[in-house]
Amino acid sequence: MFTARNKGRFALVATAVGASLALAGCASGDPLDPGTESEGGGDTIVVGSQAYYSNEIIASIYAQALENAGFEVEENFNIGQRDAYIPAIEAGEVDLFPEYTGNLLQYYVPDTAATASDEVYAELQGALPEGLQVLDQSPATDQDSYNVTAEFAEANGLESIADLAGVPELILGGNPELEERPYGPAGLLETYDVEVSFQATGETTVESLLEGVVNIANVYSADPRIGENGLVTLSDPEGLFLASNVVPVASSDLPQEAIDLINEISAALTPEGLVALNVSSTVDQESASVIAERWLTENGFLE
C-alpha cells in the first residue's frame, strides 16, 4: 500500500474529532516506528518516462508534485520506447507513467477504428491489462504528424496528406519503428494511396527534412521546431493518426490522493503549455527537473 507523509498544501482540514484520530494514525505511520513496514507504509511510487525529453518533463512534474504531497517517489526516467517500458509497467516495476492515448491504444489494439479523442480514450480504458488503469486524459496533445517544408508544400500544392498522392519520389523520415507502425508507409498507401520509401532518421528527422535528405518527416505535434522552422503540418482528413492526448498510466493500486493530484495536473496542462515546456528544453537547454519545478510553481502546485 502506498502512503503519503507530510502532505503540505494538499493536507485536508480536519474537524476536532478527525484531528485527534489523525494524530493517532500518524503515530503508527511514523517512518521511525518499527511497526511502519508491517502496516505496508513507506512503499515508493516509481515514476517512469520514455527516452524523450518532452515525456521526461511531464514525468518530472508528476514526481515532484507527489513528493511535495508527501509521497515517497523514485524516478526511473529514460527507459526507452514503448516496446521497452510497457513490459516494465505491466510487471509492476513502474507505478506511474505519462503516455499518449492514441499510440498506446494502437499498441494494445492495432486494428482499432477509433480516431477521435473521446473515442480513443474510452476504448483505451478497456484495453489495458489487469492491474493497470489510465487516469484523466489531458487537453495537451503530442501526437504523430506528417510535416514538409514550406517550399515543398508550395511547389506541390500540399495541404493534407491526401495531396501527396501522385507526388513522385517521396521519402518518409522518422524513428526506425515508424516503418512498421499502422500509420507508416503501409498505412499511407492503404489510407491515402500515397507511396513512399522510408529512411530511419531517428533524432535527426527534422534536420534531415531541412537538408532535403527526406521530404516528409514524422514529427510530434508539440515539437517547437515545427513552428521555429516554418514547417507545414499536413492535415489528416481520413484519421490515419489517432488522437493522442497526454494520459497517465498507473498501477491499479495507486492511492486515491495521488490519483486526484495527478488528475489536477493533467487538467492544467494545455497544448500551448506543453509546447512552451518543450521550448524550455530544446531552445533554452534547461533540465527536465528545472522546467517541471517552474511549471508546478506557476500553476499553484508548489508554494
Protein backbone atom coordinates (compact mmCIF):
# COMPACT_ATOMS: atom_id res chain seq x y z
CA MET A 1 0.00 0.00 0.00
CA PHE A 2 1.34 3.46 -0.91
CA THR A 3 1.19 6.12 1.79
CA ALA A 4 1.74 9.87 1.90
CA ARG A 5 3.54 11.75 4.67
CA ASN A 6 3.71 15.49 5.46
CA LYS A 7 1.38 16.38 2.64
CA GLY A 8 1.81 20.16 2.98
CA ARG A 9 -0.63 22.18 0.85
CA PHE A 10 -2.57 19.01 -0.02
CA ALA A 11 -3.39 18.08 3.60
CA LEU A 12 -7.09 18.01 4.44
CA VAL A 13 -8.50 20.28 7.13
CA ALA A 14 -9.93 18.02 9.82
CA THR A 15 -12.58 18.59 12.45
CA ALA A 16 -11.57 18.42 16.09
CA VAL A 17 -12.60 14.78 16.33
CA GLY A 18 -10.99 13.95 13.00
CA ALA A 19 -7.79 15.68 14.05
CA SER A 20 -7.44 13.52 17.13
CA LEU A 21 -7.94 10.41 15.04
CA ALA A 22 -5.40 11.64 12.53
CA LEU A 23 -2.86 12.14 15.30
CA ALA A 24 -3.35 8.58 16.40
CA GLY A 25 -2.88 7.41 12.85
CA CYS A 26 0.29 9.46 12.48
CA ALA A 27 1.86 7.63 15.39
CA SER A 28 1.50 4.29 13.63
CA GLY A 29 2.65 5.84 10.33
CA ASP A 30 5.86 7.36 11.70
CA PRO A 31 8.74 6.22 9.45
CA LEU A 32 10.82 5.74 12.60
CA ASP A 33 8.19 3.48 14.16
CA PRO A 34 9.26 -0.20 13.94
CA GLY A 35 5.69 -1.14 13.06
CA THR A 36 5.56 1.04 9.96
CA GLU A 37 6.70 -1.56 7.45
CA SER A 38 4.42 -4.23 8.84
CA GLU A 39 1.49 -1.88 8.12
CA GLY A 40 2.58 -1.55 4.50
CA GLY A 41 3.54 2.14 4.86
CA GLY A 42 6.53 3.63 3.10
CA ASP A 43 6.09 1.94 -0.29
CA THR A 44 7.60 4.04 -3.05
CA ILE A 45 5.76 5.29 -6.13
CA VAL A 46 8.05 4.68 -9.11
CA VAL A 47 7.52 7.27 -11.85
CA GLY A 48 8.90 6.37 -15.27
CA SER A 49 9.43 8.15 -18.59
CA GLN A 50 10.29 7.48 -22.19
CA ALA A 51 13.67 8.36 -23.62
CA TYR A 52 12.07 11.55 -24.95
CA TYR A 53 12.67 14.99 -23.47
CA SER A 54 9.02 16.08 -23.50
CA ASN A 55 7.87 12.90 -21.79
CA GLU A 56 10.59 13.24 -19.16
CA ILE A 57 9.40 16.77 -18.34
CA ILE A 58 5.86 15.51 -17.70
CA ALA A 59 7.17 12.61 -15.61
CA SER A 60 9.24 15.06 -13.56
CA ILE A 61 6.11 17.17 -12.98
CA TYR A 62 4.34 14.05 -11.65
CA ALA A 63 7.29 13.06 -9.45
CA GLN A 64 7.88 16.49 -7.90
CA ALA A 65 4.18 17.04 -7.23
CA LEU A 66 3.88 13.68 -5.50
CA GLU A 67 6.99 14.32 -3.41
CA ASN A 68 5.61 17.70 -2.38
CA ALA A 69 2.39 15.95 -1.35
CA GLY A 70 4.38 13.67 0.96
CA PHE A 71 4.69 10.51 -1.11
CA GLU A 72 7.97 8.67 -1.37
CA VAL A 73 8.94 8.76 -5.05
CA GLU A 74 11.58 7.09 -7.15
CA GLU A 75 12.37 8.36 -10.66
CA ASN A 76 13.08 5.82 -13.39
CA PHE A 77 13.38 8.06 -16.43
CA ASN A 78 14.61 7.50 -19.99
CA ILE A 79 13.63 3.83 -20.02
CA GLY A 80 13.35 3.75 -23.81
CA GLN A 81 10.49 3.46 -26.24
CA ARG A 82 7.16 1.67 -25.82
CA ASP A 83 8.45 -1.83 -26.54
CA ALA A 84 10.94 -1.40 -23.71
CA TYR A 85 8.90 0.31 -20.99
CA ILE A 86 5.46 -1.30 -21.35
CA PRO A 87 6.75 -4.66 -20.03
CA ALA A 88 8.18 -2.81 -17.01
CA ILE A 89 4.82 -1.15 -16.33
CA GLU A 90 2.93 -4.43 -16.75
CA ALA A 91 5.38 -6.17 -14.40
CA GLY A 92 4.71 -3.59 -11.68
CA GLU A 93 8.24 -2.17 -11.81
CA VAL A 94 6.81 1.28 -12.66
CA ASP A 95 3.71 2.70 -10.96
CA LEU A 96 3.04 5.88 -12.93
CA PHE A 97 3.98 6.83 -16.48
CA PRO A 98 2.95 9.66 -18.85
CA GLU A 99 1.57 8.17 -22.06
CA TYR A 100 -0.35 9.22 -25.19
CA THR A 101 -3.83 7.84 -25.77
CA GLY A 102 -3.76 7.07 -29.49
CA ASN A 103 -0.36 5.43 -29.69
CA LEU A 104 -0.97 3.44 -26.53
CA LEU A 105 -4.33 2.21 -27.83
CA GLN A 106 -2.72 1.11 -31.10
CA TYR A 107 -0.11 -0.80 -29.08
CA TYR A 108 -2.85 -2.91 -27.48
CA VAL A 109 -5.43 -2.78 -30.28
CA PRO A 110 -3.57 -2.41 -33.60
CA ASP A 111 -6.74 -2.58 -35.67
CA THR A 112 -8.74 -0.06 -33.65
CA ALA A 113 -11.20 2.05 -35.63
CA ALA A 114 -11.30 4.83 -33.02
CA THR A 115 -9.76 8.14 -34.10
CA ALA A 116 -11.44 10.99 -32.17
CA SER A 117 -10.09 11.91 -28.75
CA ASP A 118 -13.07 10.75 -26.66
CA GLU A 119 -13.46 7.54 -28.66
CA VAL A 120 -9.80 6.67 -28.28
CA TYR A 121 -9.83 7.34 -24.54
CA ALA A 122 -12.99 5.29 -23.99
CA GLU A 123 -11.59 2.28 -25.83
CA LEU A 124 -8.22 2.59 -24.13
CA GLN A 125 -9.83 2.27 -20.70
CA GLY A 126 -10.95 -1.24 -21.59
CA ALA A 127 -7.84 -2.26 -23.48
CA LEU A 128 -5.30 -2.22 -20.66
CA PRO A 129 -4.30 -5.45 -18.94
CA GLU A 130 -5.37 -6.23 -15.39
CA GLY A 131 -3.54 -4.20 -12.80
CA LEU A 132 -3.27 -1.04 -14.90
CA GLN A 133 -5.51 1.98 -15.34
CA VAL A 134 -5.47 5.27 -17.19
CA LEU A 135 -6.20 8.42 -15.24
CA ASP A 136 -7.87 11.50 -16.75
CA GLN A 137 -6.55 12.48 -20.16
CA SER A 138 -5.11 15.96 -20.54
CA PRO A 139 -6.16 18.59 -23.10
CA ALA A 140 -2.48 18.60 -24.10
CA THR A 141 -1.64 16.54 -27.17
CA ASP A 142 1.64 15.34 -28.60
CA GLN A 143 0.82 13.09 -31.49
CA ASP A 144 2.47 11.91 -34.66
CA SER A 145 2.10 14.24 -37.62
CA TYR A 146 3.50 14.40 -41.14
CA ASN A 147 5.36 17.57 -41.98
CA VAL A 148 7.01 19.06 -45.05
CA THR A 149 8.96 22.23 -45.64
CA ALA A 150 7.03 25.32 -46.72
CA GLU A 151 8.89 25.28 -50.05
CA PHE A 152 7.94 21.65 -50.74
CA ALA A 153 4.32 22.33 -49.79
CA GLU A 154 4.11 25.32 -52.12
CA ALA A 155 5.81 23.55 -55.01
CA ASN A 156 3.42 20.59 -54.82
CA GLY A 157 0.22 22.27 -53.61
CA LEU A 158 0.20 20.37 -50.33
CA GLU A 159 -2.25 21.00 -47.51
CA SER A 160 -3.27 17.48 -46.48
CA ILE A 161 -1.73 14.02 -46.57
CA ALA A 162 -4.14 13.21 -49.40
CA ASP A 163 -2.39 15.78 -51.58
CA LEU A 164 0.76 13.63 -51.54
CA ALA A 165 -0.85 11.05 -53.84
CA GLY A 166 0.93 11.15 -57.17
CA VAL A 167 3.90 13.22 -55.95
CA PRO A 168 6.97 11.28 -57.17
CA GLU A 169 9.99 10.12 -55.16
CA LEU A 170 8.59 10.66 -51.70
CA ILE A 171 10.95 9.76 -48.88
CA LEU A 172 9.50 9.50 -45.37
CA GLY A 173 11.81 10.02 -42.40
CA GLY A 174 11.19 9.08 -38.78
CA ASN A 175 12.16 6.80 -35.92
CA PRO A 176 13.07 3.25 -37.01
CA GLU A 177 9.86 1.77 -35.58
CA LEU A 178 7.75 4.02 -37.84
CA GLU A 179 8.40 1.65 -40.74
CA GLU A 180 6.22 -0.98 -39.03
CA ARG A 181 3.62 1.29 -37.44
CA PRO A 182 0.00 1.24 -38.75
CA TYR A 183 0.38 4.88 -39.79
CA GLY A 184 3.74 4.32 -41.52
CA PRO A 185 4.38 3.51 -45.19
CA ALA A 186 1.76 0.75 -45.33
CA GLY A 187 -0.87 2.97 -43.71
CA LEU A 188 -0.11 5.82 -46.09
CA LEU A 189 -0.60 3.51 -49.06
CA GLU A 190 -3.77 1.90 -47.74
CA THR A 191 -5.44 5.06 -46.43
CA TYR A 192 -4.29 7.71 -48.92
CA ASP A 193 -2.81 5.76 -51.86
CA VAL A 194 0.49 7.51 -51.15
CA GLU A 195 3.66 5.58 -51.96
CA VAL A 196 6.81 6.41 -50.03
CA SER A 197 10.22 4.94 -49.40
CA PHE A 198 11.36 5.01 -45.79
CA GLN A 199 14.53 6.22 -44.14
CA ALA A 200 15.21 5.78 -40.43
CA THR A 201 16.37 9.23 -39.37
CA GLY A 202 15.72 8.98 -35.63
CA GLU A 203 16.74 12.06 -33.66
CA THR A 204 17.90 13.80 -36.85
CA THR A 205 14.48 13.65 -38.53
CA VAL A 206 13.84 17.41 -38.58
CA GLU A 207 17.40 18.13 -39.70
CA SER A 208 17.08 15.52 -42.45
CA LEU A 209 13.91 17.22 -43.67
CA LEU A 210 15.52 20.66 -43.72
CA GLU A 211 18.59 19.30 -45.53
CA GLY A 212 16.48 17.53 -48.16
CA VAL A 213 17.55 14.01 -47.18
CA VAL A 214 13.83 13.22 -46.78
CA ASN A 215 10.87 15.25 -47.98
CA ILE A 216 8.27 14.10 -45.41
CA ALA A 217 9.00 13.93 -41.69
CA ASN A 218 7.15 12.30 -38.83
CA VAL A 219 7.36 14.90 -36.05
CA TYR A 220 5.43 15.00 -32.78
CA SER A 221 2.87 17.80 -32.90
CA ALA A 222 4.17 19.56 -29.75
CA ASP A 223 7.72 19.78 -31.12
CA PRO A 224 8.60 23.51 -31.15
CA ARG A 225 10.81 23.01 -34.20
CA ILE A 226 7.68 22.82 -36.35
CA GLY A 227 7.00 26.50 -35.69
CA GLU A 228 10.63 27.55 -35.47
CA ASN A 229 11.37 26.22 -38.96
CA GLY A 230 8.06 27.12 -40.58
CA LEU A 231 7.20 23.51 -41.33
CA VAL A 232 3.80 22.68 -42.76
CA THR A 233 1.87 20.03 -40.85
CA LEU A 234 -0.31 18.17 -43.33
CA SER A 235 -3.90 17.69 -42.23
CA ASP A 236 -5.18 14.14 -41.81
CA PRO A 237 -8.80 14.05 -43.05
CA GLU A 238 -9.03 10.24 -43.03
CA GLY A 239 -7.74 9.82 -39.48
CA LEU A 240 -4.53 7.94 -40.23
CA PHE A 241 -3.23 9.18 -36.89
CA LEU A 242 -5.25 8.56 -33.77
CA ALA A 243 -5.79 11.47 -31.40
CA SER A 244 -3.05 11.25 -28.77
CA ASN A 245 -3.74 13.20 -25.62
CA VAL A 246 -1.29 13.06 -22.75
CA VAL A 247 -2.61 10.47 -20.30
CA PRO A 248 -1.11 8.97 -17.13
CA VAL A 249 -0.93 5.18 -16.99
CA ALA A 250 -0.93 3.99 -13.41
CA SER A 251 -0.97 0.93 -11.22
CA SER A 252 -4.44 0.00 -10.07
CA ASP A 253 -3.06 0.23 -6.53
CA LEU A 254 -2.13 3.90 -6.79
CA PRO A 255 -3.68 5.76 -3.81
CA GLN A 256 -6.71 7.92 -4.49
CA GLU A 257 -4.92 11.00 -3.13
CA ALA A 258 -2.18 10.51 -5.70
CA ILE A 259 -4.74 9.94 -8.45
CA ASP A 260 -6.59 13.14 -7.57
CA LEU A 261 -3.36 15.14 -7.64
CA ILE A 262 -2.23 13.77 -11.00
CA ASN A 263 -5.69 14.40 -12.45
CA GLU A 264 -5.41 18.05 -11.36
CA ILE A 265 -2.08 18.28 -13.15
CA SER A 266 -3.49 16.74 -16.32
CA ALA A 267 -6.33 19.27 -16.36
CA ALA A 268 -3.86 22.16 -16.03
CA LEU A 269 -1.55 21.01 -18.84
CA THR A 270 -2.62 22.64 -22.12
CA PRO A 271 -1.43 22.10 -25.71
CA GLU A 272 0.20 25.55 -25.73
CA GLY A 273 1.69 24.92 -22.32
CA LEU A 274 3.27 21.67 -23.48
CA VAL A 275 4.90 23.39 -26.44
CA ALA A 276 6.25 26.05 -24.06
CA LEU A 277 7.71 23.35 -21.82
CA ASN A 278 9.38 21.79 -24.83
CA VAL A 279 10.85 25.15 -25.89
CA SER A 280 12.46 25.42 -22.44
CA SER A 281 14.18 22.11 -23.16
CA THR A 282 15.13 22.38 -26.83
CA VAL A 283 15.87 26.11 -27.04
CA ASP A 284 16.79 27.14 -23.51
CA GLN A 285 18.53 23.82 -22.79
CA GLU A 286 17.07 23.59 -19.28
CA SER A 287 16.84 20.29 -17.44
CA ALA A 288 13.54 18.45 -17.08
CA SER A 289 13.58 18.90 -13.29
CA VAL A 290 14.06 22.68 -13.52
CA ILE A 291 11.32 23.03 -16.14
CA ALA A 292 8.95 20.87 -14.10
CA GLU A 293 9.54 22.76 -10.86
CA ARG A 294 8.84 26.11 -12.55
CA TRP A 295 5.62 24.82 -14.15
CA LEU A 296 4.38 23.42 -10.85
CA THR A 297 5.12 26.71 -9.10
CA GLU A 298 3.48 28.84 -11.78
CA ASN A 299 0.39 26.65 -11.73
CA GLY A 300 -0.01 26.65 -7.96
CA PHE A 301 1.10 23.12 -7.17
CA LEU A 302 4.21 24.22 -5.28
CA GLU A 303 4.43 27.05 -2.77
